[in-house]
Amino acid sequence: MNKLNTILGQLPAPVSRYRFEKLVREHKSEYKSKGLRSRTQFVAMLFGRLSGRHGLRRIETGLNSQRNSFYHLGIDGNTEVKRSTLSYANNNRSAALYKSLFETMPEKAQQNRASHGFRFKNPPA
């Protein structure tokens, strides 16, 4: 069986699910939450930012047009992302989860950097 990871599936790759879920538990961001999970909110906002979509309506239509790729994003395939739910989550969830997440990103980037310098065969003229 071929393993194919789409570009859409690679978007949240720098953020490990384990680290994200650990931060969700620490910040209790899903406490008394019924609808949208924090991971889905994160992926939707990341998709909107990286695809250049401004506004929740455009994020909703763009993301829902790719529902067959939700599995690769870590989102339940039966879930439909709605702009009203995204709006409610953005207004009522604390940003402390995402603040903590992005504070750990430079450390992660340092760990993943190349251990050797780049060398070019043809120096610039």
PDB file of N, CA and C in Angstrom:
ATOM      1  N   MET A   1       0.845  -1.174   0.000  1.00  0.00           N
ATOM      2  CA  MET A   1       0.000   0.000   0.000  1.00  0.00           C
ATOM      3  C   MET A   1       0.889   1.235   0.000  1.00  0.00           C
ATOM      4  N   ASN A   2       0.584   2.174  -0.862  1.00  0.00           N
ATOM      5  CA  ASN A   2       1.354   3.406  -0.953  1.00  0.00           C
ATOM      6  C   ASN A   2       0.995   4.345   0.184  1.00  0.00           C
ATOM      7  N   LYS A   3       2.016   4.994   0.709  1.00  0.00           N
ATOM      8  CA  LYS A   3       1.776   6.000   1.737  1.00  0.00           C
ATOM      9  C   LYS A   3       1.938   7.355   1.088  1.00  0.00           C
ATOM     10  N   LEU A   4       0.893   8.127   1.088  1.00  0.00           N
ATOM     11  CA  LEU A   4       0.915   9.432   0.461  1.00  0.00           C
ATOM     12  C   LEU A   4       0.497  10.472   1.490  1.00  0.00           C
ATOM     13  N   ASN A   5       1.368  11.403   1.754  1.00  0.00           N
ATOM     14  CA  ASN A   5       1.047  12.472   2.677  1.00  0.00           C
ATOM     15  C   ASN A   5       0.877  13.746   1.857  1.00  0.00           C
ATOM     16  N   THR A   6      -0.312  14.299   1.877  1.00  0.00           N
ATOM     17  CA  THR A   6      -0.602  15.477   1.073  1.00  0.00           C
ATOM     18  C   THR A   6       0.046  16.709   1.686  1.00  0.00           C
ATOM     19  N   ILE A   7       0.116  17.757   0.901  1.00  0.00           N
ATOM     20  CA  ILE A   7       0.654  19.024   1.406  1.00  0.00           C
ATOM     21  C   ILE A   7      -0.227  19.524   2.543  1.00  0.00           C
ATOM     22  N   LEU A   8      -1.523  19.363   2.404  1.00  0.00           N
ATOM     23  CA  LEU A   8      -2.433  19.762   3.469  1.00  0.00           C
ATOM     24  C   LEU A   8      -2.161  18.972   4.742  1.00  0.00           C
ATOM     25  N   GLY A   9      -1.812  17.722   4.608  1.00  0.00           N
ATOM     26  CA  GLY A   9      -1.501  16.896   5.765  1.00  0.00           C
ATOM     27  C   GLY A   9      -0.190  17.255   6.434  1.00  0.00           C
ATOM     28  N   GLN A  10       0.686  17.949   5.699  1.00  0.00           N
ATOM     29  CA  GLN A  10       1.975  18.343   6.252  1.00  0.00           C
ATOM     30  C   GLN A  10       1.912  19.672   7.001  1.00  0.00           C
ATOM     31  N   LEU A  11       0.814  20.398   6.907  1.00  0.00           N
ATOM     32  CA  LEU A  11       0.709  21.701   7.571  1.00  0.00           C
ATOM     33  C   LEU A  11       0.952  21.637   9.075  1.00  0.00           C
ATOM     34  N   PRO A  12       0.254  20.779   9.795  1.00  0.00           N
ATOM     35  CA  PRO A  12       0.471  20.766  11.248  1.00  0.00           C
ATOM     36  C   PRO A  12       1.634  19.888  11.690  1.00  0.00           C
ATOM     37  N   ALA A  13       2.450  19.392  10.772  1.00  0.00           N
ATOM     38  CA  ALA A  13       3.523  18.466  11.111  1.00  0.00           C
ATOM     39  C   ALA A  13       4.539  19.015  12.118  1.00  0.00           C
ATOM     40  N   PRO A  14       4.932  20.296  12.057  1.00  0.00           N
ATOM     41  CA  PRO A  14       5.905  20.781  13.045  1.00  0.00           C
ATOM     42  C   PRO A  14       5.394  20.763  14.482  1.00  0.00           C
ATOM     43  N   VAL A  15       4.100  20.686  14.663  1.00  0.00           N
ATOM     44  CA  VAL A  15       3.512  20.642  16.006  1.00  0.00           C
ATOM     45  C   VAL A  15       3.080  19.210  16.278  1.00  0.00           C
ATOM     46  N   SER A  16       3.782  18.538  17.171  1.00  0.00           N
ATOM     47  CA  SER A  16       3.432  17.143  17.449  1.00  0.00           C
ATOM     48  C   SER A  16       2.103  17.064  18.192  1.00  0.00           C
ATOM     49  N   ARG A  17       1.358  16.032  17.875  1.00  0.00           N
ATOM     50  CA  ARG A  17       0.062  15.845  18.542  1.00  0.00           C
ATOM     51  C   ARG A  17       0.230  15.648  20.040  1.00  0.00           C
ATOM     52  N   TYR A  18       1.283  14.934  20.409  1.00  0.00           N
ATOM     53  CA  TYR A  18       1.526  14.678  21.829  1.00  0.00           C
ATOM     54  C   TYR A  18       1.730  15.994  22.582  1.00  0.00           C
ATOM     55  N   ARG A  19       2.590  16.856  22.054  1.00  0.00           N
ATOM     56  CA  ARG A  19       2.851  18.143  22.706  1.00  0.00           C
ATOM     57  C   ARG A  19       1.583  18.990  22.762  1.00  0.00           C
ATOM     58  N   PHE A  20       0.835  18.995  21.659  1.00  0.00           N
ATOM     59  CA  PHE A  20      -0.390  19.799  21.607  1.00  0.00           C
ATOM     60  C   PHE A  20      -1.404  19.304  22.633  1.00  0.00           C
ATOM     61  N   GLU A  21      -1.637  17.982  22.687  1.00  0.00           N
ATOM     62  CA  GLU A  21      -2.606  17.431  23.633  1.00  0.00           C
ATOM     63  C   GLU A  21      -2.155  17.641  25.078  1.00  0.00           C
ATOM     64  N   LYS A  22      -0.862  17.593  25.312  1.00  0.00           N
ATOM     65  CA  LYS A  22      -0.335  17.859  26.650  1.00  0.00           C
ATOM     66  C   LYS A  22      -0.641  19.298  27.072  1.00  0.00           C
ATOM     67  N   LEU A  23      -0.461  20.239  26.163  1.00  0.00           N
ATOM     68  CA  LEU A  23      -0.779  21.633  26.459  1.00  0.00           C
ATOM     69  C   LEU A  23      -2.279  21.849  26.639  1.00  0.00           C
ATOM     70  N   VAL A  24      -3.087  21.124  25.878  1.00  0.00           N
ATOM     71  CA  VAL A  24      -4.542  21.222  26.041  1.00  0.00           C
ATOM     72  C   VAL A  24      -4.941  20.788  27.449  1.00  0.00           C
ATOM     73  N   ARG A  25      -4.332  19.697  27.921  1.00  0.00           N
ATOM     74  CA  ARG A  25      -4.640  19.236  29.288  1.00  0.00           C
ATOM     75  C   ARG A  25      -4.137  20.221  30.336  1.00  0.00           C
ATOM     76  N   GLU A  26      -2.941  20.771  30.134  1.00  0.00           N
ATOM     77  CA  GLU A  26      -2.384  21.728  31.094  1.00  0.00           C
ATOM     78  C   GLU A  26      -3.242  22.982  31.211  1.00  0.00           C
ATOM     79  N   HIS A  27      -3.707  23.495  30.089  1.00  0.00           N
ATOM     80  CA  HIS A  27      -4.479  24.740  30.082  1.00  0.00           C
ATOM     81  C   HIS A  27      -5.980  24.514  30.220  1.00  0.00           C
ATOM     82  N   LYS A  28      -6.390  23.245  30.216  1.00  0.00           N
ATOM     83  CA  LYS A  28      -7.811  22.885  30.334  1.00  0.00           C
ATOM     84  C   LYS A  28      -8.654  23.650  29.308  1.00  0.00           C
ATOM     85  N   SER A  29      -8.162  23.704  28.091  1.00  0.00           N
ATOM     86  CA  SER A  29      -8.860  24.477  27.063  1.00  0.00           C
ATOM     87  C   SER A  29     -10.119  23.787  26.552  1.00  0.00           C
ATOM     88  N   GLU A  30     -10.254  22.501  26.810  1.00  0.00           N
ATOM     89  CA  GLU A  30     -11.463  21.809  26.377  1.00  0.00           C
ATOM     90  C   GLU A  30     -12.396  21.492  27.540  1.00  0.00           C
ATOM     91  N   TYR A  31     -12.161  22.134  28.665  1.00  0.00           N
ATOM     92  CA  TYR A  31     -13.021  21.930  29.831  1.00  0.00           C
ATOM     93  C   TYR A  31     -14.399  22.494  29.532  1.00  0.00           C
ATOM     94  N   LYS A  32     -15.419  21.679  29.671  1.00  0.00           N
ATOM     95  CA  LYS A  32     -16.808  22.034  29.383  1.00  0.00           C
ATOM     96  C   LYS A  32     -17.019  22.447  27.931  1.00  0.00           C
ATOM     97  N   SER A  33     -16.213  21.911  27.056  1.00  0.00           N
ATOM     98  CA  SER A  33     -16.345  22.197  25.634  1.00  0.00           C
ATOM     99  C   SER A  33     -17.079  21.044  24.967  1.00  0.00           C
ATOM    100  N   LYS A  34     -18.102  21.354  24.195  1.00  0.00           N
ATOM    101  CA  LYS A  34     -18.899  20.311  23.559  1.00  0.00           C
ATOM    102  C   LYS A  34     -18.590  20.155  22.079  1.00  0.00           C
ATOM    103  N   GLY A  35     -18.364  21.245  21.396  1.00  0.00           N
ATOM    104  CA  GLY A  35     -18.280  21.189  19.942  1.00  0.00           C
ATOM    105  C   GLY A  35     -16.885  21.010  19.403  1.00  0.00           C
ATOM    106  N   LEU A  36     -16.310  22.080  19.000  1.00  0.00           N
ATOM    107  CA  LEU A  36     -15.036  22.077  18.292  1.00  0.00           C
ATOM    108  C   LEU A  36     -13.875  21.772  19.228  1.00  0.00           C
ATOM    109  N   ARG A  37     -13.055  20.827  18.841  1.00  0.00           N
ATOM    110  CA  ARG A  37     -11.873  20.501  19.644  1.00  0.00           C
ATOM    111  C   ARG A  37     -10.776  21.524  19.364  1.00  0.00           C
ATOM    112  N   SER A  38      -9.863  21.651  20.307  1.00  0.00           N
ATOM    113  CA  SER A  38      -8.779  22.627  20.182  1.00  0.00           C
ATOM    114  C   SER A  38      -7.906  22.328  18.965  1.00  0.00           C
ATOM    115  N   ARG A  39      -7.674  21.066  18.692  1.00  0.00           N
ATOM    116  CA  ARG A  39      -6.854  20.678  17.542  1.00  0.00           C
ATOM    117  C   ARG A  39      -7.512  21.120  16.236  1.00  0.00           C
ATOM    118  N   THR A  40      -8.819  20.961  16.143  1.00  0.00           N
ATOM    119  CA  THR A  40      -9.541  21.370  14.944  1.00  0.00           C
ATOM    120  C   THR A  40      -9.486  22.878  14.775  1.00  0.00           C
ATOM    121  N   GLN A  41      -9.637  23.608  15.863  1.00  0.00           N
ATOM    122  CA  GLN A  41      -9.540  25.064  15.811  1.00  0.00           C
ATOM    123  C   GLN A  41      -8.149  25.487  15.347  1.00  0.00           C
ATOM    124  N   PHE A  42      -7.125  24.845  15.893  1.00  0.00           N
ATOM    125  CA  PHE A  42      -5.750  25.163  15.517  1.00  0.00           C
ATOM    126  C   PHE A  42      -5.512  24.907  14.032  1.00  0.00           C
ATOM    127  N   VAL A  43      -5.939  23.760  13.552  1.00  0.00           N
ATOM    128  CA  VAL A  43      -5.730  23.404  12.142  1.00  0.00           C
ATOM    129  C   VAL A  43      -6.506  24.359  11.235  1.00  0.00           C
ATOM    130  N   ALA A  44      -7.717  24.726  11.618  1.00  0.00           N
ATOM    131  CA  ALA A  44      -8.519  25.644  10.801  1.00  0.00           C
ATOM    132  C   ALA A  44      -7.856  27.016  10.713  1.00  0.00           C
ATOM    133  N   MET A  45      -7.358  27.521  11.820  1.00  0.00           N
ATOM    134  CA  MET A  45      -6.705  28.828  11.810  1.00  0.00           C
ATOM    135  C   MET A  45      -5.372  28.772  11.061  1.00  0.00           C
ATOM    136  N   LEU A  46      -4.658  27.663  11.204  1.00  0.00           N
ATOM    137  CA  LEU A  46      -3.409  27.478  10.474  1.00  0.00           C
ATOM    138  C   LEU A  46      -3.679  27.411   8.971  1.00  0.00           C
ATOM    139  N   PHE A  47      -4.702  26.680   8.590  1.00  0.00           N
ATOM    140  CA  PHE A  47      -5.097  26.589   7.186  1.00  0.00           C
ATOM    141  C   PHE A  47      -5.456  27.969   6.643  1.00  0.00           C
ATOM    142  N   GLY A  48      -6.219  28.720   7.407  1.00  0.00           N
ATOM    143  CA  GLY A  48      -6.613  30.063   6.970  1.00  0.00           C
ATOM    144  C   GLY A  48      -5.423  30.978   6.778  1.00  0.00           C
ATOM    145  N   ARG A  49      -4.485  30.920   7.707  1.00  0.00           N
ATOM    146  CA  ARG A  49      -3.311  31.787   7.631  1.00  0.00           C
ATOM    147  C   ARG A  49      -2.414  31.400   6.455  1.00  0.00           C
ATOM    148  N   LEU A  50      -2.136  30.122   6.309  1.00  0.00           N
ATOM    149  CA  LEU A  50      -1.198  29.689   5.272  1.00  0.00           C
ATOM    150  C   LEU A  50      -1.796  29.695   3.871  1.00  0.00           C
ATOM    151  N   SER A  51      -3.106  29.607   3.774  1.00  0.00           N
ATOM    152  CA  SER A  51      -3.730  29.639   2.453  1.00  0.00           C
ATOM    153  C   SER A  51      -4.121  31.059   2.041  1.00  0.00           C
ATOM    154  N   GLY A  52      -3.912  32.023   2.937  1.00  0.00           N
ATOM    155  CA  GLY A  52      -4.206  33.418   2.616  1.00  0.00           C
ATOM    156  C   GLY A  52      -5.687  33.733   2.615  1.00  0.00           C
ATOM    157  N   ARG A  53      -6.451  32.949   3.324  1.00  0.00           N
ATOM    158  CA  ARG A  53      -7.895  33.184   3.387  1.00  0.00           C
ATOM    159  C   ARG A  53      -8.206  34.120   4.553  1.00  0.00           C
ATOM    160  N   HIS A  54      -8.896  35.187   4.245  1.00  0.00           N
ATOM    161  CA  HIS A  54      -9.273  36.157   5.273  1.00  0.00           C
ATOM    162  C   HIS A  54     -10.769  36.015   5.516  1.00  0.00           C
ATOM    163  N   GLY A  55     -11.135  35.796   6.742  1.00  0.00           N
ATOM    164  CA  GLY A  55     -12.541  35.641   7.094  1.00  0.00           C
ATOM    165  C   GLY A  55     -12.908  34.195   7.329  1.00  0.00           C
ATOM    166  N   LEU A  56     -13.771  33.998   8.294  1.00  0.00           N
ATOM    167  CA  LEU A  56     -14.159  32.641   8.676  1.00  0.00           C
ATOM    168  C   LEU A  56     -14.962  31.931   7.589  1.00  0.00           C
ATOM    169  N   ARG A  57     -15.716  32.677   6.810  1.00  0.00           N
ATOM    170  CA  ARG A  57     -16.508  32.056   5.734  1.00  0.00           C
ATOM    171  C   ARG A  57     -15.587  31.396   4.706  1.00  0.00           C
ATOM    172  N   ARG A  58     -14.519  32.079   4.330  1.00  0.00           N
ATOM    173  CA  ARG A  58     -13.585  31.513   3.350  1.00  0.00           C
ATOM    174  C   ARG A  58     -12.800  30.346   3.933  1.00  0.00           C
ATOM    175  N   ILE A  59     -12.451  30.430   5.227  1.00  0.00           N
ATOM    176  CA  ILE A  59     -11.771  29.307   5.879  1.00  0.00           C
ATOM    177  C   ILE A  59     -12.698  28.105   5.914  1.00  0.00           C
ATOM    178  N   GLU A  60     -13.961  28.340   6.249  1.00  0.00           N
ATOM    179  CA  GLU A  60     -14.942  27.257   6.316  1.00  0.00           C
ATOM    180  C   GLU A  60     -15.092  26.561   4.966  1.00  0.00           C
ATOM    181  N   THR A  61     -15.285  27.320   3.908  1.00  0.00           N
ATOM    182  CA  THR A  61     -15.492  26.693   2.596  1.00  0.00           C
ATOM    183  C   THR A  61     -14.227  26.001   2.095  1.00  0.00           C
ATOM    184  N   GLY A  62     -13.080  26.629   2.321  1.00  0.00           N
ATOM    185  CA  GLY A  62     -11.823  26.019   1.872  1.00  0.00           C
ATOM    186  C   GLY A  62     -11.507  24.734   2.608  1.00  0.00           C
ATOM    187  N   LEU A  63     -11.701  24.747   3.912  1.00  0.00           N
ATOM    188  CA  LEU A  63     -11.389  23.564   4.708  1.00  0.00           C
ATOM    189  C   LEU A  63     -12.390  22.442   4.461  1.00  0.00           C
ATOM    190  N   ASN A  64     -13.660  22.779   4.371  1.00  0.00           N
ATOM    191  CA  ASN A  64     -14.670  21.739   4.138  1.00  0.00           C
ATOM    192  C   ASN A  64     -14.600  21.158   2.727  1.00  0.00           C
ATOM    193  N   SER A  65     -13.977  21.871   1.793  1.00  0.00           N
ATOM    194  CA  SER A  65     -13.802  21.298   0.457  1.00  0.00           C
ATOM    195  C   SER A  65     -12.734  20.202   0.467  1.00  0.00           C
ATOM    196  N   GLN A  66     -11.957  20.140   1.534  1.00  0.00           N
ATOM    197  CA  GLN A  66     -10.903  19.135   1.669  1.00  0.00           C
ATOM    198  C   GLN A  66     -11.225  18.098   2.745  1.00  0.00           C
ATOM    199  N   ARG A  67     -12.498  17.824   2.960  1.00  0.00           N
ATOM    200  CA  ARG A  67     -12.900  16.926   4.047  1.00  0.00           C
ATOM    201  C   ARG A  67     -12.324  15.526   3.912  1.00  0.00           C
ATOM    202  N   ASN A  68     -11.999  15.097   2.711  1.00  0.00           N
ATOM    203  CA  ASN A  68     -11.403  13.767   2.555  1.00  0.00           C
ATOM    204  C   ASN A  68      -9.970  13.732   3.082  1.00  0.00           C
ATOM    205  N   SER A  69      -9.364  14.881   3.342  1.00  0.00           N
ATOM    206  CA  SER A  69      -8.004  14.946   3.886  1.00  0.00           C
ATOM    207  C   SER A  69      -7.986  15.213   5.388  1.00  0.00           C
ATOM    208  N   PHE A  70      -9.141  15.273   6.026  1.00  0.00           N
ATOM    209  CA  PHE A  70      -9.192  15.562   7.460  1.00  0.00           C
ATOM    210  C   PHE A  70      -8.421  14.534   8.278  1.00  0.00           C
ATOM    211  N   TYR A  71      -8.411  13.308   7.835  1.00  0.00           N
ATOM    212  CA  TYR A  71      -7.689  12.266   8.562  1.00  0.00           C
ATOM    213  C   TYR A  71      -6.211  12.621   8.701  1.00  0.00           C
ATOM    214  N   HIS A  72      -5.628  13.141   7.640  1.00  0.00           N
ATOM    215  CA  HIS A  72      -4.210  13.505   7.648  1.00  0.00           C
ATOM    216  C   HIS A  72      -3.932  14.697   8.553  1.00  0.00           C
ATOM    217  N   LEU A  73      -4.946  15.506   8.783  1.00  0.00           N
ATOM    218  CA  LEU A  73      -4.795  16.679   9.638  1.00  0.00           C
ATOM    219  C   LEU A  73      -5.051  16.368  11.107  1.00  0.00           C
ATOM    220  N   GLY A  74      -5.544  15.193  11.387  1.00  0.00           N
ATOM    221  CA  GLY A  74      -5.860  14.839  12.765  1.00  0.00           C
ATOM    222  C   GLY A  74      -7.239  15.298  13.183  1.00  0.00           C
ATOM    223  N   ILE A  75      -8.117  15.490  12.216  1.00  0.00           N
ATOM    224  CA  ILE A  75      -9.485  15.934  12.477  1.00  0.00           C
ATOM    225  C   ILE A  75     -10.420  14.789  12.133  1.00  0.00           C
ATOM    226  N   ASP A  76     -11.488  14.647  12.895  1.00  0.00           N
ATOM    227  CA  ASP A  76     -12.494  13.629  12.620  1.00  0.00           C
ATOM    228  C   ASP A  76     -13.127  13.916  11.262  1.00  0.00           C
ATOM    229  N   GLY A  77     -13.161  12.932  10.391  1.00  0.00           N
ATOM    230  CA  GLY A  77     -13.684  13.100   9.044  1.00  0.00           C
ATOM    231  C   GLY A  77     -15.170  13.379   8.985  1.00  0.00           C
ATOM    232  N   ASN A  78     -15.906  13.042  10.041  1.00  0.00           N
ATOM    233  CA  ASN A  78     -17.339  13.295  10.061  1.00  0.00           C
ATOM    234  C   ASN A  78     -17.665  14.709  10.524  1.00  0.00           C
ATOM    235  N   THR A  79     -16.658  15.429  10.988  1.00  0.00           N
ATOM    236  CA  THR A  79     -16.850  16.776  11.493  1.00  0.00           C
ATOM    237  C   THR A  79     -16.875  17.758  10.341  1.00  0.00           C
ATOM    238  N   GLU A  80     -17.840  18.652  10.367  1.00  0.00           N
ATOM    239  CA  GLU A  80     -17.873  19.748   9.410  1.00  0.00           C
ATOM    240  C   GLU A  80     -17.525  21.014  10.171  1.00  0.00           C
ATOM    241  N   VAL A  81     -16.522  21.725   9.715  1.00  0.00           N
ATOM    242  CA  VAL A  81     -16.094  22.952  10.384  1.00  0.00           C
ATOM    243  C   VAL A  81     -17.045  24.058   9.974  1.00  0.00           C
ATOM    244  N   LYS A  82     -17.662  24.704  10.959  1.00  0.00           N
ATOM    245  CA  LYS A  82     -18.612  25.778  10.689  1.00  0.00           C
ATOM    246  C   LYS A  82     -18.065  27.087  11.224  1.00  0.00           C
ATOM    247  N   ARG A  83     -18.370  28.158  10.514  1.00  0.00           N
ATOM    248  CA  ARG A  83     -17.820  29.456  10.904  1.00  0.00           C
ATOM    249  C   ARG A  83     -18.375  29.938  12.230  1.00  0.00           C
ATOM    250  N   SER A  84     -19.608  29.614  12.545  1.00  0.00           N
ATOM    251  CA  SER A  84     -20.171  30.045  13.829  1.00  0.00           C
ATOM    252  C   SER A  84     -19.457  29.352  14.990  1.00  0.00           C
ATOM    253  N   THR A  85     -19.122  28.085  14.808  1.00  0.00           N
ATOM    254  CA  THR A  85     -18.409  27.344  15.846  1.00  0.00           C
ATOM    255  C   THR A  85     -16.977  27.849  15.974  1.00  0.00           C
ATOM    256  N   LEU A  86     -16.343  28.149  14.852  1.00  0.00           N
ATOM    257  CA  LEU A  86     -15.000  28.718  14.883  1.00  0.00           C
ATOM    258  C   LEU A  86     -15.005  30.075  15.581  1.00  0.00           C
ATOM    259  N   SER A  87     -15.992  30.876  15.264  1.00  0.00           N
ATOM    260  CA  SER A  87     -16.101  32.196  15.878  1.00  0.00           C
ATOM    261  C   SER A  87     -16.282  32.077  17.381  1.00  0.00           C
ATOM    262  N   TYR A  88     -17.138  31.171  17.801  1.00  0.00           N
ATOM    263  CA  TYR A  88     -17.374  30.976  19.231  1.00  0.00           C
ATOM    264  C   TYR A  88     -16.105  30.501  19.929  1.00  0.00           C
ATOM    265  N   ALA A  89     -15.390  29.563  19.311  1.00  0.00           N
ATOM    266  CA  ALA A  89     -14.145  29.057  19.900  1.00  0.00           C
ATOM    267  C   ALA A  89     -13.091  30.156  19.969  1.00  0.00           C
ATOM    268  N   ASN A  90     -12.990  30.970  18.931  1.00  0.00           N
ATOM    269  CA  ASN A  90     -12.003  32.049  18.932  1.00  0.00           C
ATOM    270  C   ASN A  90     -12.313  33.098  19.996  1.00  0.00           C
ATOM    271  N   ASN A  91     -13.577  33.341  20.232  1.00  0.00           N
ATOM    272  CA  ASN A  91     -13.962  34.355  21.216  1.00  0.00           C
ATOM    273  C   ASN A  91     -13.902  33.855  22.647  1.00  0.00           C
ATOM    274  N   ASN A  92     -14.157  32.571  22.876  1.00  0.00           N
ATOM    275  CA  ASN A  92     -14.322  32.081  24.242  1.00  0.00           C
ATOM    276  C   ASN A  92     -13.189  31.212  24.769  1.00  0.00           C
ATOM    277  N   ARG A  93     -12.310  30.749  23.914  1.00  0.00           N
ATOM    278  CA  ARG A  93     -11.175  29.953  24.395  1.00  0.00           C
ATOM    279  C   ARG A  93     -10.016  30.866  24.719  1.00  0.00           C
ATOM    280  N   SER A  94      -9.322  30.516  25.753  1.00  0.00           N
ATOM    281  CA  SER A  94      -8.160  31.294  26.153  1.00  0.00           C
ATOM    282  C   SER A  94      -7.035  31.115  25.135  1.00  0.00           C
ATOM    283  N   ALA A  95      -6.314  32.191  24.911  1.00  0.00           N
ATOM    284  CA  ALA A  95      -5.190  32.145  23.982  1.00  0.00           C
ATOM    285  C   ALA A  95      -3.931  31.611  24.653  1.00  0.00           C
ATOM    286  N   ALA A  96      -4.008  31.296  25.934  1.00  0.00           N
ATOM    287  CA  ALA A  96      -2.836  30.818  26.672  1.00  0.00           C
ATOM    288  C   ALA A  96      -2.295  29.511  26.090  1.00  0.00           C
ATOM    289  N   LEU A  97      -3.170  28.657  25.591  1.00  0.00           N
ATOM    290  CA  LEU A  97      -2.736  27.406  24.963  1.00  0.00           C
ATOM    291  C   LEU A  97      -1.814  27.693  23.784  1.00  0.00           C
ATOM    292  N   TYR A  98      -2.247  28.581  22.905  1.00  0.00           N
ATOM    293  CA  TYR A  98      -1.472  28.879  21.707  1.00  0.00           C
ATOM    294  C   TYR A  98      -0.218  29.681  22.046  1.00  0.00           C
ATOM    295  N   LYS A  99      -0.280  30.497  23.059  1.00  0.00           N
ATOM    296  CA  LYS A  99       0.903  31.227  23.519  1.00  0.00           C
ATOM    297  C   LYS A  99       1.974  30.237  23.983  1.00  0.00           C
ATOM    298  N   SER A 100       1.567  29.271  24.799  1.00  0.00           N
ATOM    299  CA  SER A 100       2.506  28.251  25.273  1.00  0.00           C
ATOM    300  C   SER A 100       3.043  27.416  24.120  1.00  0.00           C
ATOM    301  N   LEU A 101       2.183  27.097  23.188  1.00  0.00           N
ATOM    302  CA  LEU A 101       2.594  26.298  22.037  1.00  0.00           C
ATOM    303  C   LEU A 101       3.668  27.016  21.227  1.00  0.00           C
ATOM    304  N   PHE A 102       3.439  28.274  20.930  1.00  0.00           N
ATOM    305  CA  PHE A 102       4.381  28.997  20.089  1.00  0.00           C
ATOM    306  C   PHE A 102       5.635  29.435  20.841  1.00  0.00           C
ATOM    307  N   GLU A 103       5.597  29.435  22.158  1.00  0.00           N
ATOM    308  CA  GLU A 103       6.818  29.689  22.918  1.00  0.00           C
ATOM    309  C   GLU A 103       7.774  28.509  22.842  1.00  0.00           C
ATOM    310  N   THR A 104       7.246  27.316  22.601  1.00  0.00           N
ATOM    311  CA  THR A 104       8.100  26.129  22.489  1.00  0.00           C
ATOM    312  C   THR A 104       8.624  25.916  21.071  1.00  0.00           C
ATOM    313  N   MET A 105       8.090  26.638  20.105  1.00  0.00           N
ATOM    314  CA  MET A 105       8.472  26.425  18.714  1.00  0.00           C
ATOM    315  C   MET A 105       9.933  26.775  18.404  1.00  0.00           C
ATOM    316  N   PRO A 106      10.521  27.863  18.936  1.00  0.00           N
ATOM    317  CA  PRO A 106      11.941  28.112  18.630  1.00  0.00           C
ATOM    318  C   PRO A 106      12.856  26.986  19.117  1.00  0.00           C
ATOM    319  N   GLU A 107      12.529  26.415  20.259  1.00  0.00           N
ATOM    320  CA  GLU A 107      13.313  25.286  20.771  1.00  0.00           C
ATOM    321  C   GLU A 107      13.226  24.099  19.810  1.00  0.00           C
ATOM    322  N   LYS A 108      12.038  23.838  19.327  1.00  0.00           N
ATOM    323  CA  LYS A 108      11.829  22.745  18.378  1.00  0.00           C
ATOM    324  C   LYS A 108      12.585  23.001  17.077  1.00  0.00           C
ATOM    325  N   ALA A 109      12.579  24.253  16.613  1.00  0.00           N
ATOM    326  CA  ALA A 109      13.292  24.596  15.387  1.00  0.00           C
ATOM    327  C   ALA A 109      14.805  24.428  15.559  1.00  0.00           C
ATOM    328  N   GLN A 110      15.315  24.754  16.723  1.00  0.00           N
ATOM    329  CA  GLN A 110      16.741  24.582  16.979  1.00  0.00           C
ATOM    330  C   GLN A 110      17.132  23.104  16.947  1.00  0.00           C
ATOM    331  N   GLN A 111      16.273  22.243  17.454  1.00  0.00           N
ATOM    332  CA  GLN A 111      16.553  20.814  17.461  1.00  0.00           C
ATOM    333  C   GLN A 111      16.557  20.234  16.052  1.00  0.00           C
ATOM    334  N   ASN A 112      15.749  20.790  15.167  1.00  0.00           N
ATOM    335  CA  ASN A 112      15.601  20.245  13.816  1.00  0.00           C
ATOM    336  C   ASN A 112      16.533  20.875  12.787  1.00  0.00           C
ATOM    337  N   ARG A 113      17.311  21.849  13.176  1.00  0.00           N
ATOM    338  CA  ARG A 113      18.166  22.504  12.191  1.00  0.00           C
ATOM    339  C   ARG A 113      19.281  21.555  11.751  1.00  0.00           C
ATOM    340  N   ALA A 114      19.823  21.848  10.618  1.00  0.00           N
ATOM    341  CA  ALA A 114      20.883  21.009  10.059  1.00  0.00           C
ATOM    342  C   ALA A 114      22.134  21.115  10.929  1.00  0.00           C
ATOM    343  N   SER A 115      22.820  20.008  11.127  1.00  0.00           N
ATOM    344  CA  SER A 115      24.012  20.007  11.964  1.00  0.00           C
ATOM    345  C   SER A 115      25.255  20.409  11.181  1.00  0.00           C
ATOM    346  N   HIS A 116      25.124  20.591   9.897  1.00  0.00           N
ATOM    347  CA  HIS A 116      26.251  20.998   9.068  1.00  0.00           C
ATOM    348  C   HIS A 116      25.880  22.253   8.291  1.00  0.00           C
ATOM    349  N   GLY A 117      26.883  22.968   7.884  1.00  0.00           N
ATOM    350  CA  GLY A 117      26.645  24.171   7.096  1.00  0.00           C
ATOM    351  C   GLY A 117      26.345  23.835   5.652  1.00  0.00           C
ATOM    352  N   PHE A 118      25.785  24.775   4.951  1.00  0.00           N
ATOM    353  CA  PHE A 118      25.510  24.578   3.534  1.00  0.00           C
ATOM    354  C   PHE A 118      26.752  24.949   2.729  1.00  0.00           C
ATOM    355  N   ARG A 119      26.983  24.200   1.695  1.00  0.00           N
ATOM    356  CA  ARG A 119      28.115  24.452   0.831  1.00  0.00           C
ATOM    357  C   ARG A 119      27.612  24.450  -0.604  1.00  0.00           C
ATOM    358  N   PHE A 120      27.960  25.494  -1.330  1.00  0.00           N
ATOM    359  CA  PHE A 120      27.527  25.604  -2.718  1.00  0.00           C
ATOM    360  C   PHE A 120      28.721  25.352  -3.627  1.00  0.00           C
ATOM    361  N   LYS A 121      28.524  24.555  -4.660  1.00  0.00           N
ATOM    362  CA  LYS A 121      29.611  24.235  -5.583  1.00  0.00           C
ATOM    363  C   LYS A 121      29.961  25.420  -6.476  1.00  0.00           C
ATOM    364  N   ASN A 122      28.974  26.177  -6.844  1.00  0.00           N
ATOM    365  CA  ASN A 122      29.193  27.318  -7.733  1.00  0.00           C
ATOM    366  C   ASN A 122      29.015  28.611  -6.935  1.00  0.00           C
ATOM    367  N   PRO A 123      30.095  29.262  -6.548  1.00  0.00           N
ATOM    368  CA  PRO A 123      29.962  30.506  -5.802  1.00  0.00           C
ATOM    369  C   PRO A 123      29.343  31.594  -6.676  1.00  0.00           C
ATOM    370  N   PRO A 124      28.670  32.571  -6.048  1.00  0.00           N
ATOM    371  CA  PRO A 124      28.042  33.638  -6.853  1.00  0.00           C
ATOM    372  C   PRO A 124      29.098  34.437  -7.601  1.00  0.00           C
ATOM    373  N   ALA A 125      28.741  34.900  -8.760  1.00  0.00           N
ATOM    374  CA  ALA A 125      29.691  35.636  -9.609  1.00  0.00           C
ATOM    375  C   ALA A 125      29.844  37.079  -9.185  1.00  0.00           C
TER     376      ALA A 125
END
